[in-house]
Amino acid sequence: MQTIMNLIISNLPPSITQSEVEHAFRQRGADVQVSLFREGNPNNVLAVVKLKNASLVATHRMAQYLKGRSWQGRRLQVYVPLFWRGESEA
């Protein structure tokens, strides 16, 4: 069974692609699945990053690392949802 932790990243630039986000995480050794959401404000893209085989501690460390960092001129906002974590895949 595989544990999946969720990480939410907002304020991504409108030109961002799913593959760019996946590549950035995979460069750091993370096994991820990324979904992008452009609804609402098209200038503020939101990513839901599913980190496979990541612990809660590792997920929070990743969030702290990314929080406030700049990506293509945008200051990222990152958080780990309290009630949407620890999913499992068989």
C-alpha atoms as a PDB file:
ATOM      1  CA  MET A   1       0.000   0.000   0.000  1.00  0.00           C
ATOM      2  CA  GLN A   2       1.251   3.480  -0.883  1.00  0.00           C
ATOM      3  CA  THR A   3       0.695   6.605   1.223  1.00  0.00           C
ATOM      4  CA  ILE A   4      -0.091   9.809  -0.666  1.00  0.00           C
ATOM      5  CA  MET A   5       0.247  13.256   0.888  1.00  0.00           C
ATOM      6  CA  ASN A   6      -1.229  16.374  -0.699  1.00  0.00           C
ATOM      7  CA  LEU A   7       0.486  19.722  -1.090  1.00  0.00           C
ATOM      8  CA  ILE A   8      -1.333  22.828  -2.359  1.00  0.00           C
ATOM      9  CA  ILE A   9       0.658  25.480  -4.230  1.00  0.00           C
ATOM     10  CA  SER A  10      -0.998  28.724  -5.292  1.00  0.00           C
ATOM     11  CA  ASN A  11       0.015  31.926  -7.066  1.00  0.00           C
ATOM     12  CA  LEU A  12       1.650  30.015  -9.902  1.00  0.00           C
ATOM     13  CA  PRO A  13       1.967  31.966 -13.170  1.00  0.00           C
ATOM     14  CA  PRO A  14      -0.702  31.531 -15.870  1.00  0.00           C
ATOM     15  CA  SER A  15       1.846  30.060 -18.294  1.00  0.00           C
ATOM     16  CA  ILE A  16       2.808  27.171 -15.964  1.00  0.00           C
ATOM     17  CA  THR A  17       2.334  23.612 -17.200  1.00  0.00           C
ATOM     18  CA  GLN A  18       1.728  20.381 -15.362  1.00  0.00           C
ATOM     19  CA  SER A  19       4.974  18.942 -16.709  1.00  0.00           C
ATOM     20  CA  GLU A  20       7.003  21.913 -15.391  1.00  0.00           C
ATOM     21  CA  VAL A  21       5.702  21.369 -11.867  1.00  0.00           C
ATOM     22  CA  GLU A  22       6.231  17.599 -12.072  1.00  0.00           C
ATOM     23  CA  HIS A  23       9.770  18.096 -13.380  1.00  0.00           C
ATOM     24  CA  ALA A  24      10.665  20.459 -10.520  1.00  0.00           C
ATOM     25  CA  PHE A  25       9.591  17.876  -7.930  1.00  0.00           C
ATOM     26  CA  ARG A  26      11.155  14.924  -9.736  1.00  0.00           C
ATOM     27  CA  GLN A  27      14.507  16.745  -9.870  1.00  0.00           C
ATOM     28  CA  ARG A  28      14.416  16.536  -6.078  1.00  0.00           C
ATOM     29  CA  GLY A  29      13.597  12.835  -6.107  1.00  0.00           C
ATOM     30  CA  ALA A  30       9.865  13.090  -5.406  1.00  0.00           C
ATOM     31  CA  ASP A  31       7.341  10.778  -7.061  1.00  0.00           C
ATOM     32  CA  VAL A  32       4.397  13.079  -7.802  1.00  0.00           C
ATOM     33  CA  GLN A  33       1.128  13.506  -9.621  1.00  0.00           C
ATOM     34  CA  VAL A  34       0.136  17.123 -10.351  1.00  0.00           C
ATOM     35  CA  SER A  35      -3.243  18.674 -11.152  1.00  0.00           C
ATOM     36  CA  LEU A  36      -3.511  22.347 -12.150  1.00  0.00           C
ATOM     37  CA  PHE A  37      -6.597  24.506 -11.585  1.00  0.00           C
ATOM     38  CA  ARG A  38      -7.113  27.752 -13.497  1.00  0.00           C
ATOM     39  CA  GLU A  39     -10.724  28.464 -12.509  1.00  0.00           C
ATOM     40  CA  GLY A  40     -11.581  31.750 -10.834  1.00  0.00           C
ATOM     41  CA  ASN A  41      -8.621  34.060 -11.299  1.00  0.00           C
ATOM     42  CA  PRO A  42      -6.763  32.895 -14.444  1.00  0.00           C
ATOM     43  CA  ASN A  43      -3.683  34.872 -13.341  1.00  0.00           C
ATOM     44  CA  ASN A  44      -3.348  32.744 -10.201  1.00  0.00           C
ATOM     45  CA  VAL A  45      -2.975  29.045 -11.002  1.00  0.00           C
ATOM     46  CA  LEU A  46      -3.312  26.498  -8.194  1.00  0.00           C
ATOM     47  CA  ALA A  47      -1.550  23.119  -8.173  1.00  0.00           C
ATOM     48  CA  VAL A  48      -2.511  20.074  -6.153  1.00  0.00           C
ATOM     49  CA  VAL A  49       0.614  17.961  -5.833  1.00  0.00           C
ATOM     50  CA  LYS A  50       0.166  14.371  -4.676  1.00  0.00           C
ATOM     51  CA  LEU A  51       3.425  13.177  -3.132  1.00  0.00           C
ATOM     52  CA  LYS A  52       3.651   9.400  -3.274  1.00  0.00           C
ATOM     53  CA  ASN A  53       5.376   7.544  -0.421  1.00  0.00           C
ATOM     54  CA  ALA A  54       5.929  10.780   1.521  1.00  0.00           C
ATOM     55  CA  SER A  55       5.513  11.138   5.259  1.00  0.00           C
ATOM     56  CA  LEU A  56       3.642  14.002   6.880  1.00  0.00           C
ATOM     57  CA  VAL A  57       6.959  15.378   8.165  1.00  0.00           C
ATOM     58  CA  ALA A  58       8.570  15.256   4.708  1.00  0.00           C
ATOM     59  CA  THR A  59       5.512  16.932   3.182  1.00  0.00           C
ATOM     60  CA  HIS A  60       5.633  19.768   5.729  1.00  0.00           C
ATOM     61  CA  ARG A  61       9.358  20.219   5.093  1.00  0.00           C
ATOM     62  CA  MET A  62       8.695  20.492   1.370  1.00  0.00           C
ATOM     63  CA  ALA A  63       5.971  23.073   2.029  1.00  0.00           C
ATOM     64  CA  GLN A  64       8.299  25.124   4.251  1.00  0.00           C
ATOM     65  CA  TYR A  65      11.024  24.954   1.608  1.00  0.00           C
ATOM     66  CA  LEU A  66       8.704  26.200  -1.153  1.00  0.00           C
ATOM     67  CA  LYS A  67       6.702  28.766   0.834  1.00  0.00           C
ATOM     68  CA  GLY A  68       7.581  32.296  -0.245  1.00  0.00           C
ATOM     69  CA  ARG A  69       9.990  31.164  -2.961  1.00  0.00           C
ATOM     70  CA  SER A  70       9.807  32.847  -6.325  1.00  0.00           C
ATOM     71  CA  TRP A  71       8.750  30.962  -9.470  1.00  0.00           C
ATOM     72  CA  GLN A  72       8.812  32.961 -12.693  1.00  0.00           C
ATOM     73  CA  GLY A  73       8.446  36.180 -10.707  1.00  0.00           C
ATOM     74  CA  ARG A  74       5.619  34.883  -8.471  1.00  0.00           C
ATOM     75  CA  ARG A  75       5.906  34.399  -4.708  1.00  0.00           C
ATOM     76  CA  LEU A  76       4.503  30.940  -3.995  1.00  0.00           C
ATOM     77  CA  GLN A  77       1.921  30.226  -1.323  1.00  0.00           C
ATOM     78  CA  VAL A  78       2.104  26.630  -0.099  1.00  0.00           C
ATOM     79  CA  TYR A  79       0.278  24.577   2.502  1.00  0.00           C
ATOM     80  CA  VAL A  80      -0.478  21.023   3.542  1.00  0.00           C
ATOM     81  CA  PRO A  81      -4.233  20.492   3.998  1.00  0.00           C
ATOM     82  CA  LEU A  82      -5.142  19.293   7.502  1.00  0.00           C
ATOM     83  CA  PHE A  83      -8.058  17.082   6.557  1.00  0.00           C
ATOM     84  CA  TRP A  84      -7.045  15.939   3.090  1.00  0.00           C
ATOM     85  CA  ARG A  85      -4.010  13.764   3.594  1.00  0.00           C
ATOM     86  CA  GLY A  86      -2.822  10.259   4.116  1.00  0.00           C
ATOM     87  CA  GLU A  87      -4.738   8.706   1.251  1.00  0.00           C
ATOM     88  CA  SER A  88      -3.673   5.220   0.307  1.00  0.00           C
ATOM     89  CA  GLU A  89      -3.489   3.408  -2.976  1.00  0.00           C
ATOM     90  CA  ALA A  90      -3.491  -0.351  -3.164  1.00  0.00           C
END
